[in-house]
Amino acid sequence: MKWDGFRGLISLDAGRVTLRSRRGTQMAPTFPEVGSGAVQLPDATALDGVM
């Protein structure tokens, strides 16, 4: 288990949410709650943070 969090990049473009790691690995299956919450963001949004 990783206790210090995971760095993630999330983007929303034309209603499509993309959640990736720094290396480009898809993280949406691991963090479905983040992806489902991101649909509330304005279009053309990009965020970088720790989950």
PDB file of N, CA and C in Angstrom:
ATOM      1  N   MET A   1       0.851  -1.186   0.000  1.00  0.00           N
ATOM      2  CA  MET A   1       0.000   0.000   0.000  1.00  0.00           C
ATOM      3  C   MET A   1       0.889   1.238   0.000  1.00  0.00           C
ATOM      4  N   LYS A   2       0.534   2.188  -0.808  1.00  0.00           N
ATOM      5  CA  LYS A   2       1.262   3.455  -0.897  1.00  0.00           C
ATOM      6  C   LYS A   2       0.528   4.473  -0.025  1.00  0.00           C
ATOM      7  N   TRP A   3       1.171   4.983   1.016  1.00  0.00           N
ATOM      8  CA  TRP A   3       0.522   5.849   1.997  1.00  0.00           C
ATOM      9  C   TRP A   3       0.651   7.339   1.704  1.00  0.00           C
ATOM     10  N   ASP A   4       1.568   7.733   0.842  1.00  0.00           N
ATOM     11  CA  ASP A   4       1.766   9.155   0.622  1.00  0.00           C
ATOM     12  C   ASP A   4       1.012   9.703  -0.580  1.00  0.00           C
ATOM     13  N   GLY A   5       0.119   8.937  -1.156  1.00  0.00           N
ATOM     14  CA  GLY A   5      -0.713   9.406  -2.253  1.00  0.00           C
ATOM     15  C   GLY A   5      -0.158   9.071  -3.629  1.00  0.00           C
ATOM     16  N   PHE A   6      -0.946   9.352  -4.638  1.00  0.00           N
ATOM     17  CA  PHE A   6      -0.596   9.113  -6.028  1.00  0.00           C
ATOM     18  C   PHE A   6      -0.725  10.424  -6.784  1.00  0.00           C
ATOM     19  N   ARG A   7       0.251  10.757  -7.583  1.00  0.00           N
ATOM     20  CA  ARG A   7       0.181  11.963  -8.405  1.00  0.00           C
ATOM     21  C   ARG A   7      -0.689  11.649  -9.608  1.00  0.00           C
ATOM     22  N   GLY A   8      -1.649  12.497  -9.879  1.00  0.00           N
ATOM     23  CA  GLY A   8      -2.550  12.279 -10.991  1.00  0.00           C
ATOM     24  C   GLY A   8      -2.786  13.533 -11.798  1.00  0.00           C
ATOM     25  N   LEU A   9      -3.001  13.338 -13.074  1.00  0.00           N
ATOM     26  CA  LEU A   9      -3.327  14.413 -14.000  1.00  0.00           C
ATOM     27  C   LEU A   9      -4.718  14.127 -14.542  1.00  0.00           C
ATOM     28  N   ILE A  10      -5.606  15.065 -14.373  1.00  0.00           N
ATOM     29  CA  ILE A  10      -6.971  14.863 -14.853  1.00  0.00           C
ATOM     30  C   ILE A  10      -7.310  15.974 -15.837  1.00  0.00           C
ATOM     31  N   SER A  11      -7.975  15.597 -16.913  1.00  0.00           N
ATOM     32  CA  SER A  11      -8.401  16.603 -17.890  1.00  0.00           C
ATOM     33  C   SER A  11      -9.811  16.287 -18.342  1.00  0.00           C
ATOM     34  N   LEU A  12     -10.515  17.333 -18.677  1.00  0.00           N
ATOM     35  CA  LEU A  12     -11.879  17.216 -19.176  1.00  0.00           C
ATOM     36  C   LEU A  12     -11.941  17.986 -20.483  1.00  0.00           C
ATOM     37  N   ASP A  13     -12.250  17.281 -21.546  1.00  0.00           N
ATOM     38  CA  ASP A  13     -12.299  17.901 -22.865  1.00  0.00           C
ATOM     39  C   ASP A  13     -13.503  17.353 -23.611  1.00  0.00           C
ATOM     40  N   ALA A  14     -14.421  18.222 -23.953  1.00  0.00           N
ATOM     41  CA  ALA A  14     -15.654  17.857 -24.670  1.00  0.00           C
ATOM     42  C   ALA A  14     -16.419  16.761 -23.930  1.00  0.00           C
ATOM     43  N   GLY A  15     -16.449  16.874 -22.589  1.00  0.00           N
ATOM     44  CA  GLY A  15     -17.186  15.911 -21.783  1.00  0.00           C
ATOM     45  C   GLY A  15     -16.460  14.605 -21.517  1.00  0.00           C
ATOM     46  N   ARG A  16     -15.252  14.457 -22.040  1.00  0.00           N
ATOM     47  CA  ARG A  16     -14.478  13.223 -21.860  1.00  0.00           C
ATOM     48  C   ARG A  16     -13.442  13.447 -20.756  1.00  0.00           C
ATOM     49  N   VAL A  17     -13.502  12.617 -19.718  1.00  0.00           N
ATOM     50  CA  VAL A  17     -12.586  12.724 -18.586  1.00  0.00           C
ATOM     51  C   VAL A  17     -11.417  11.765 -18.796  1.00  0.00           C
ATOM     52  N   THR A  18     -10.201  12.274 -18.593  1.00  0.00           N
ATOM     53  CA  THR A  18      -8.993  11.460 -18.673  1.00  0.00           C
ATOM     54  C   THR A  18      -8.242  11.609 -17.359  1.00  0.00           C
ATOM     55  N   LEU A  19      -7.913  10.493 -16.732  1.00  0.00           N
ATOM     56  CA  LEU A  19      -7.163  10.481 -15.490  1.00  0.00           C
ATOM     57  C   LEU A  19      -5.940   9.599 -15.685  1.00  0.00           C
ATOM     58  N   ARG A  20      -4.760  10.200 -15.592  1.00  0.00           N
ATOM     59  CA  ARG A  20      -3.508   9.487 -15.865  1.00  0.00           C
ATOM     60  C   ARG A  20      -2.475   9.764 -14.781  1.00  0.00           C
ATOM     61  N   SER A  21      -1.510   8.855 -14.702  1.00  0.00           N
ATOM     62  CA  SER A  21      -0.370   9.062 -13.814  1.00  0.00           C
ATOM     63  C   SER A  21       0.661   9.929 -14.528  1.00  0.00           C
ATOM     64  N   ARG A  22       1.743  10.260 -13.831  1.00  0.00           N
ATOM     65  CA  ARG A  22       2.826  11.041 -14.453  1.00  0.00           C
ATOM     66  C   ARG A  22       3.393  10.325 -15.664  1.00  0.00           C
ATOM     67  N   ARG A  23       3.389   9.016 -15.632  1.00  0.00           N
ATOM     68  CA  ARG A  23       3.958   8.221 -16.729  1.00  0.00           C
ATOM     69  C   ARG A  23       2.944   7.893 -17.822  1.00  0.00           C
ATOM     70  N   GLY A  24       1.709   8.350 -17.666  1.00  0.00           N
ATOM     71  CA  GLY A  24       0.701   8.144 -18.693  1.00  0.00           C
ATOM     72  C   GLY A  24      -0.196   6.940 -18.484  1.00  0.00           C
ATOM     73  N   THR A  25      -0.028   6.228 -17.380  1.00  0.00           N
ATOM     74  CA  THR A  25      -0.864   5.068 -17.088  1.00  0.00           C
ATOM     75  C   THR A  25      -2.275   5.519 -16.744  1.00  0.00           C
ATOM     76  N   GLN A  26      -3.272   4.839 -17.298  1.00  0.00           N
ATOM     77  CA  GLN A  26      -4.670   5.149 -17.001  1.00  0.00           C
ATOM     78  C   GLN A  26      -4.967   4.854 -15.533  1.00  0.00           C
ATOM     79  N   MET A  27      -5.512   5.822 -14.821  1.00  0.00           N
ATOM     80  CA  MET A  27      -5.817   5.650 -13.405  1.00  0.00           C
ATOM     81  C   MET A  27      -7.314   5.645 -13.115  1.00  0.00           C
ATOM     82  N   ALA A  28      -8.135   5.872 -14.116  1.00  0.00           N
ATOM     83  CA  ALA A  28      -9.578   5.940 -13.903  1.00  0.00           C
ATOM     84  C   ALA A  28     -10.152   4.653 -13.298  1.00  0.00           C
ATOM     85  N   PRO A  29      -9.701   3.464 -13.705  1.00  0.00           N
ATOM     86  CA  PRO A  29     -10.241   2.257 -13.075  1.00  0.00           C
ATOM     87  C   PRO A  29      -9.895   2.149 -11.584  1.00  0.00           C
ATOM     88  N   THR A  30      -8.775   2.712 -11.187  1.00  0.00           N
ATOM     89  CA  THR A  30      -8.341   2.657  -9.794  1.00  0.00           C
ATOM     90  C   THR A  30      -9.060   3.687  -8.933  1.00  0.00           C
ATOM     91  N   PHE A  31      -9.380   4.829  -9.512  1.00  0.00           N
ATOM     92  CA  PHE A  31     -10.031   5.923  -8.788  1.00  0.00           C
ATOM     93  C   PHE A  31     -11.314   6.356  -9.509  1.00  0.00           C
ATOM     94  N   PRO A  32     -12.333   5.494  -9.561  1.00  0.00           N
ATOM     95  CA  PRO A  32     -13.553   5.857 -10.307  1.00  0.00           C
ATOM     96  C   PRO A  32     -14.281   7.062  -9.719  1.00  0.00           C
ATOM     97  N   GLU A  33     -14.143   7.280  -8.406  1.00  0.00           N
ATOM     98  CA  GLU A  33     -14.830   8.412  -7.775  1.00  0.00           C
ATOM     99  C   GLU A  33     -14.247   9.745  -8.237  1.00  0.00           C
ATOM    100  N   VAL A  34     -12.975   9.780  -8.552  1.00  0.00           N
ATOM    101  CA  VAL A  34     -12.350  11.006  -9.050  1.00  0.00           C
ATOM    102  C   VAL A  34     -12.869  11.309 -10.453  1.00  0.00           C
ATOM    103  N   GLY A  35     -12.920  10.298 -11.290  1.00  0.00           N
ATOM    104  CA  GLY A  35     -13.426  10.482 -12.647  1.00  0.00           C
ATOM    105  C   GLY A  35     -14.880  10.897 -12.678  1.00  0.00           C
ATOM    106  N   SER A  36     -15.698  10.286 -11.818  1.00  0.00           N
ATOM    107  CA  SER A  36     -17.118  10.641 -11.821  1.00  0.00           C
ATOM    108  C   SER A  36     -17.345  12.047 -11.267  1.00  0.00           C
ATOM    109  N   GLY A  37     -16.507  12.488 -10.333  1.00  0.00           N
ATOM    110  CA  GLY A  37     -16.624  13.850  -9.809  1.00  0.00           C
ATOM    111  C   GLY A  37     -16.132  14.898 -10.779  1.00  0.00           C
ATOM    112  N   ALA A  38     -15.223  14.516 -11.664  1.00  0.00           N
ATOM    113  CA  ALA A  38     -14.628  15.468 -12.607  1.00  0.00           C
ATOM    114  C   ALA A  38     -15.609  15.938 -13.668  1.00  0.00           C
ATOM    115  N   VAL A  39     -16.674  15.213 -13.893  1.00  0.00           N
ATOM    116  CA  VAL A  39     -17.641  15.646 -14.908  1.00  0.00           C
ATOM    117  C   VAL A  39     -18.320  16.950 -14.523  1.00  0.00           C
ATOM    118  N   GLN A  40     -18.199  17.356 -13.275  1.00  0.00           N
ATOM    119  CA  GLN A  40     -18.782  18.613 -12.816  1.00  0.00           C
ATOM    120  C   GLN A  40     -17.901  19.818 -13.146  1.00  0.00           C
ATOM    121  N   LEU A  41     -16.665  19.560 -13.570  1.00  0.00           N
ATOM    122  CA  LEU A  41     -15.738  20.648 -13.903  1.00  0.00           C
ATOM    123  C   LEU A  41     -16.090  21.268 -15.250  1.00  0.00           C
ATOM    124  N   PRO A  42     -15.709  22.517 -15.461  1.00  0.00           N
ATOM    125  CA  PRO A  42     -15.934  23.143 -16.764  1.00  0.00           C
ATOM    126  C   PRO A  42     -15.120  22.444 -17.857  1.00  0.00           C
ATOM    127  N   ASP A  43     -15.612  22.497 -19.064  1.00  0.00           N
ATOM    128  CA  ASP A  43     -14.907  21.904 -20.194  1.00  0.00           C
ATOM    129  C   ASP A  43     -13.535  22.566 -20.371  1.00  0.00           C
ATOM    130  N   ALA A  44     -12.594  21.836 -20.903  1.00  0.00           N
ATOM    131  CA  ALA A  44     -11.221  22.291 -21.139  1.00  0.00           C
ATOM    132  C   ALA A  44     -10.471  22.575 -19.838  1.00  0.00           C
ATOM    133  N   THR A  45     -10.759  21.765 -18.811  1.00  0.00           N
ATOM    134  CA  THR A  45     -10.095  21.880 -17.518  1.00  0.00           C
ATOM    135  C   THR A  45      -8.976  20.841 -17.422  1.00  0.00           C
ATOM    136  N   ALA A  46      -7.864  21.226 -16.844  1.00  0.00           N
ATOM    137  CA  ALA A  46      -6.769  20.294 -16.561  1.00  0.00           C
ATOM    138  C   ALA A  46      -6.287  20.544 -15.144  1.00  0.00           C
ATOM    139  N   LEU A  47      -6.140  19.461 -14.359  1.00  0.00           N
ATOM    140  CA  LEU A  47      -5.687  19.566 -12.980  1.00  0.00           C
ATOM    141  C   LEU A  47      -4.546  18.581 -12.744  1.00  0.00           C
ATOM    142  N   ASP A  48      -3.640  18.963 -11.887  1.00  0.00           N
ATOM    143  CA  ASP A  48      -2.504  18.132 -11.499  1.00  0.00           C
ATOM    144  C   ASP A  48      -2.468  18.127  -9.989  1.00  0.00           C
ATOM    145  N   GLY A  49      -2.479  16.935  -9.376  1.00  0.00           N
ATOM    146  CA  GLY A  49      -2.469  16.902  -7.924  1.00  0.00           C
ATOM    147  C   GLY A  49      -2.232  15.512  -7.382  1.00  0.00           C
ATOM    148  N   VAL A  50      -2.325  15.404  -6.060  1.00  0.00           N
ATOM    149  CA  VAL A  50      -2.116  14.138  -5.374  1.00  0.00           C
ATOM    150  C   VAL A  50      -3.471  13.633  -4.890  1.00  0.00           C
ATOM    151  N   MET A  51      -3.684  12.339  -5.135  1.00  0.00           N
ATOM    152  CA  MET A  51      -4.931  11.702  -4.703  1.00  0.00           C
ATOM    153  C   MET A  51      -4.662  10.813  -3.523  1.00  0.00           C
TER     154      MET A  51
END
